[in-house]
Amino acid sequence: MARYTDSTCRLCRREGAKLFLKGDRCYSDKCAVARRSYAPGQHGQGRKKVSEYGLQLREKQKVRRIYGVMERQFRNYFEKAERQKGVTGENLLVTLERRLDNIVYRLGFADSRAEARTLIRHGHFLVNGRKVNIPSYLVRAGDSIKVREKSKASPRFKEIAAAAAHRTVPAWLSADGNALEGHILALPTREQIDTPVQEHLIVELYSR
C-alpha cells in the first residue's frame, strides 16, 4: 500500500495552512507553519501568480492531505460522490468524514488521523463488536466504535482516555472518554464539517 513517507510538516507549509497532521505539535511553537509560513524549497519565498487551475489543484491536494488519502483513492471517492444524490462536493466530504480513521480522530481516541490509522491497523478498535483493522472502512449512522478491552490497559490508551474525557466531539458523534467508546448518531451535514475547504473547486477541477 502506498503511503507518504516524507516530512509531514512540509505538507502544511506547501498548502500555506495548518492541516493538523501531527497532533499537539501543531498547537505548539514548534509548528512549522508558524515558524516558516512560506512554501518549502529554495523558491518557496518567491511570489507566484496562481492560475484558476492552480487554485483548484491546491484545494484538492489540501483535502487529500488532511484526510491522508492517496490520489487514486481520492478519485474513487469523488466518482462515488458524483453518483449519489445531492451536492457532489458535500457528498465527497461526508464520505471522507465516514472513514474509520477520521472517526477515531474525531472521537478523541487519537491525536491525529495518522496516529488513528496506525492504531486501527494494529487491531485496537471494534466496530459493532467486530475487530476492524482497515482505516478506510466507512462507518454508518448507528455504528458503535470502541477500544478493545485488552488494549485499554496499554499506557498509550490510558493517556488517550485521560485526554478524551475533556475533549469536545462533533454534534453528530457521541463519546465516552472513560470507556473509550463512541457512537455515530447521524451522518454529518456540511455545516457540521469544520474542514476549511472550498469543495466546489475540487468539483470544478474534476469537471475539466
Protein backbone atom coordinates (compact mmCIF):
# COMPACT_ATOMS: atom_id res chain seq x y z
CA MET A 1 0.00 0.00 0.00
CA ALA A 2 1.39 3.40 -1.00
CA ARG A 3 1.86 6.00 1.71
CA TYR A 4 3.59 9.34 2.19
CA THR A 5 6.94 8.97 3.98
CA ASP A 6 8.48 12.45 3.68
CA SER A 7 8.30 15.25 6.25
CA THR A 8 4.70 15.83 7.31
CA CYS A 9 5.29 19.48 8.14
CA ARG A 10 6.26 20.16 4.51
CA LEU A 11 2.69 19.38 3.50
CA CYS A 12 1.28 22.10 5.75
CA ARG A 13 3.87 24.60 4.54
CA ARG A 14 3.09 23.78 0.91
CA GLU A 15 -0.60 24.46 1.45
CA GLY A 16 0.14 27.57 3.50
CA ALA A 17 -2.15 26.47 6.32
CA LYS A 18 -2.18 24.24 9.36
CA LEU A 19 -3.58 20.85 8.39
CA PHE A 20 -3.17 19.49 11.95
CA LEU A 21 -1.32 16.38 10.80
CA LYS A 22 0.88 15.97 13.88
CA GLY A 23 -1.50 16.37 16.79
CA ASP A 24 -0.35 18.52 19.71
CA ARG A 25 2.76 19.75 17.87
CA CYS A 26 0.50 21.74 15.52
CA TYR A 27 -0.71 23.80 18.51
CA SER A 28 2.77 24.49 19.86
CA ASP A 29 5.55 26.95 18.99
CA LYS A 30 7.27 24.11 17.12
CA CYS A 31 4.66 24.19 14.34
CA ALA A 32 6.48 24.59 11.03
CA VAL A 33 3.78 26.86 9.56
CA ALA A 34 4.09 29.26 12.49
CA ARG A 35 7.89 29.34 12.20
CA ARG A 36 8.14 29.38 8.39
CA SER A 37 4.87 30.32 6.73
CA TYR A 38 6.25 30.11 3.19
CA ALA A 39 6.33 27.04 0.93
CA PRO A 40 9.27 24.62 1.25
CA GLY A 41 12.15 24.58 -1.22
CA GLN A 42 14.57 27.21 -2.49
CA HIS A 43 11.84 29.02 -4.42
CA GLY A 44 9.29 28.86 -1.62
CA GLN A 45 9.52 32.55 -0.76
CA GLY A 46 9.10 33.73 -4.34
CA ARG A 47 5.92 35.44 -5.40
CA LYS A 48 3.93 33.41 -7.88
CA LYS A 49 0.72 34.20 -9.67
CA VAL A 50 -1.66 31.28 -9.16
CA SER A 51 -3.94 30.31 -12.04
CA GLU A 52 -7.53 29.13 -11.67
CA TYR A 53 -6.33 25.58 -12.24
CA GLY A 54 -3.65 26.08 -9.59
CA LEU A 55 -6.25 27.15 -7.02
CA GLN A 56 -8.38 24.11 -7.80
CA LEU A 57 -5.39 21.76 -7.60
CA ARG A 58 -4.21 23.18 -4.29
CA GLU A 59 -7.69 22.77 -2.78
CA LYS A 60 -7.80 19.13 -3.88
CA GLN A 61 -4.31 18.46 -2.53
CA LYS A 62 -5.21 20.12 0.77
CA VAL A 63 -8.22 17.85 1.32
CA ARG A 64 -6.23 14.77 0.32
CA ARG A 65 -3.54 15.62 2.84
CA ILE A 66 -5.92 16.48 5.66
CA TYR A 67 -7.60 13.08 5.41
CA GLY A 68 -4.45 11.16 4.42
CA VAL A 69 -5.83 9.77 1.17
CA MET A 70 -3.78 8.84 -1.90
CA GLU A 71 -4.69 10.15 -5.36
CA ARG A 72 -6.41 7.09 -6.80
CA GLN A 73 -8.47 6.52 -3.69
CA PHE A 74 -9.48 10.17 -3.61
CA ARG A 75 -10.61 9.98 -7.23
CA ASN A 76 -12.69 6.91 -6.40
CA TYR A 77 -14.34 8.80 -3.55
CA PHE A 78 -15.15 11.67 -5.91
CA GLU A 79 -16.69 9.37 -8.52
CA LYS A 80 -18.78 7.74 -5.82
CA ALA A 81 -19.93 11.16 -4.59
CA GLU A 82 -20.88 12.12 -8.16
CA ARG A 83 -23.20 9.12 -8.44
CA GLN A 84 -25.01 9.95 -5.21
CA LYS A 85 -27.98 12.26 -4.91
CA GLY A 86 -27.30 15.76 -3.66
CA VAL A 87 -24.35 18.14 -4.00
CA THR A 88 -21.21 16.34 -5.18
CA GLY A 89 -18.76 18.37 -3.08
CA GLU A 90 -20.74 17.85 0.11
CA ASN A 91 -21.14 14.15 -0.64
CA LEU A 92 -17.36 13.90 -1.01
CA LEU A 93 -16.69 15.50 2.37
CA VAL A 94 -19.30 13.34 4.12
CA THR A 95 -17.71 10.21 2.64
CA LEU A 96 -14.26 11.28 3.88
CA GLU A 97 -15.69 12.01 7.32
CA ARG A 98 -17.11 8.48 7.44
CA ARG A 99 -13.65 6.89 7.27
CA LEU A 100 -12.85 4.96 10.43
CA ASP A 101 -9.51 6.73 10.93
CA ASN A 102 -11.30 10.09 10.83
CA ILE A 103 -13.97 8.87 13.26
CA VAL A 104 -11.35 7.66 15.74
CA TYR A 105 -9.65 11.06 15.49
CA ARG A 106 -12.92 12.99 15.83
CA LEU A 107 -13.85 10.97 18.93
CA GLY A 108 -10.58 11.99 20.55
CA PHE A 109 -9.14 8.46 20.62
CA ALA A 110 -6.04 9.59 18.69
CA ASP A 111 -4.12 12.87 18.49
CA SER A 112 -4.08 12.86 14.68
CA ARG A 113 -5.54 10.92 11.77
CA ALA A 114 -2.11 9.43 11.15
CA GLU A 115 -2.00 8.03 14.68
CA ALA A 116 -5.57 6.80 14.26
CA ARG A 117 -4.55 4.87 11.13
CA THR A 118 -1.67 3.22 13.00
CA LEU A 119 -3.85 2.22 15.95
CA ILE A 120 -6.53 0.82 13.64
CA ARG A 121 -4.04 -1.22 11.62
CA HIS A 122 -2.75 -2.73 14.86
CA GLY A 123 -6.24 -4.01 15.59
CA HIS A 124 -7.09 -1.90 18.65
CA PHE A 125 -10.67 -0.98 17.62
CA LEU A 126 -14.00 -2.75 17.35
CA VAL A 127 -16.87 -1.62 15.14
CA ASN A 128 -20.20 -3.02 16.31
CA GLY A 129 -18.27 -5.59 18.37
CA ARG A 130 -16.09 -6.82 15.49
CA LYS A 131 -12.40 -6.04 15.04
CA VAL A 132 -11.73 -3.78 12.06
CA ASN A 133 -8.15 -3.02 11.01
CA ILE A 134 -8.93 -1.08 7.82
CA PRO A 135 -8.55 2.71 8.26
CA SER A 136 -10.67 3.43 5.17
CA TYR A 137 -13.64 1.43 6.49
CA LEU A 138 -16.77 3.58 6.08
CA VAL A 139 -18.99 3.74 9.14
CA ARG A 140 -22.75 4.21 9.09
CA ALA A 141 -25.23 6.01 11.30
CA GLY A 142 -25.89 3.89 14.36
CA ASP A 143 -22.47 2.21 14.41
CA SER A 144 -20.51 1.95 17.65
CA ILE A 145 -16.72 2.20 17.87
CA LYS A 146 -14.79 1.12 20.93
CA VAL A 147 -11.27 0.23 22.00
CA ARG A 148 -10.68 -3.47 22.64
CA GLU A 149 -10.59 -4.45 26.30
CA LYS A 150 -7.03 -5.81 26.02
CA SER A 151 -5.85 -2.53 24.51
CA LYS A 152 -7.28 -0.32 27.26
CA ALA A 153 -4.55 -1.43 29.67
CA SER A 154 -1.75 -0.05 27.49
CA PRO A 155 -0.06 3.18 28.65
CA ARG A 156 -0.97 4.98 25.41
CA PHE A 157 -4.69 4.30 25.74
CA LYS A 158 -4.62 5.33 29.39
CA GLU A 159 -3.23 8.68 28.22
CA ILE A 160 -5.87 8.87 25.48
CA ALA A 161 -8.67 8.11 27.96
CA ALA A 162 -7.49 10.85 30.31
CA ALA A 163 -7.35 13.39 27.47
CA ALA A 164 -10.52 12.24 25.68
CA ALA A 165 -12.64 12.88 28.77
CA HIS A 166 -12.03 16.63 28.32
CA ARG A 167 -12.44 16.84 24.55
CA THR A 168 -15.49 18.08 22.69
CA VAL A 169 -16.72 15.89 19.85
CA PRO A 170 -18.86 16.96 16.86
CA ALA A 171 -22.62 17.02 17.37
CA TRP A 172 -23.14 14.03 15.07
CA LEU A 173 -20.99 11.84 17.35
CA SER A 174 -21.15 10.86 21.00
CA ALA A 175 -18.17 9.69 23.02
CA ASP A 176 -17.50 8.19 26.42
CA GLY A 177 -13.87 9.04 27.12
CA ASN A 178 -13.62 6.87 30.22
CA ALA A 179 -14.96 3.78 28.45
CA LEU A 180 -13.17 4.69 25.18
CA GLU A 181 -16.36 4.12 23.26
CA GLY A 182 -18.21 6.25 20.71
CA HIS A 183 -21.34 6.16 18.59
CA ILE A 184 -22.34 7.57 15.20
CA LEU A 185 -25.57 9.42 15.94
CA ALA A 186 -26.06 10.51 12.33
CA LEU A 187 -24.04 11.30 9.24
CA PRO A 188 -22.74 14.88 9.29
CA THR A 189 -24.19 17.76 7.31
CA ARG A 190 -21.92 20.26 5.55
CA GLU A 191 -22.46 22.76 8.35
CA GLN A 192 -21.14 20.24 10.87
CA ILE A 193 -17.90 19.57 8.98
CA ASP A 194 -15.25 22.07 10.05
CA THR A 195 -12.70 21.15 7.37
CA PRO A 196 -11.51 24.50 5.90
CA VAL A 197 -12.06 23.74 2.23
CA GLN A 198 -13.93 25.11 -0.76
CA GLU A 199 -15.17 21.83 -2.16
CA HIS A 200 -16.68 23.41 -5.27
CA LEU A 201 -13.12 24.00 -6.53
CA ILE A 202 -12.48 20.25 -6.41
CA VAL A 203 -15.66 19.60 -8.38
CA GLU A 204 -14.57 22.18 -10.97
CA LEU A 205 -11.13 20.54 -11.19
CA TYR A 206 -12.52 17.08 -11.93
CA SER A 207 -15.11 18.53 -14.32
CA ARG A 208 -12.45 19.86 -16.71
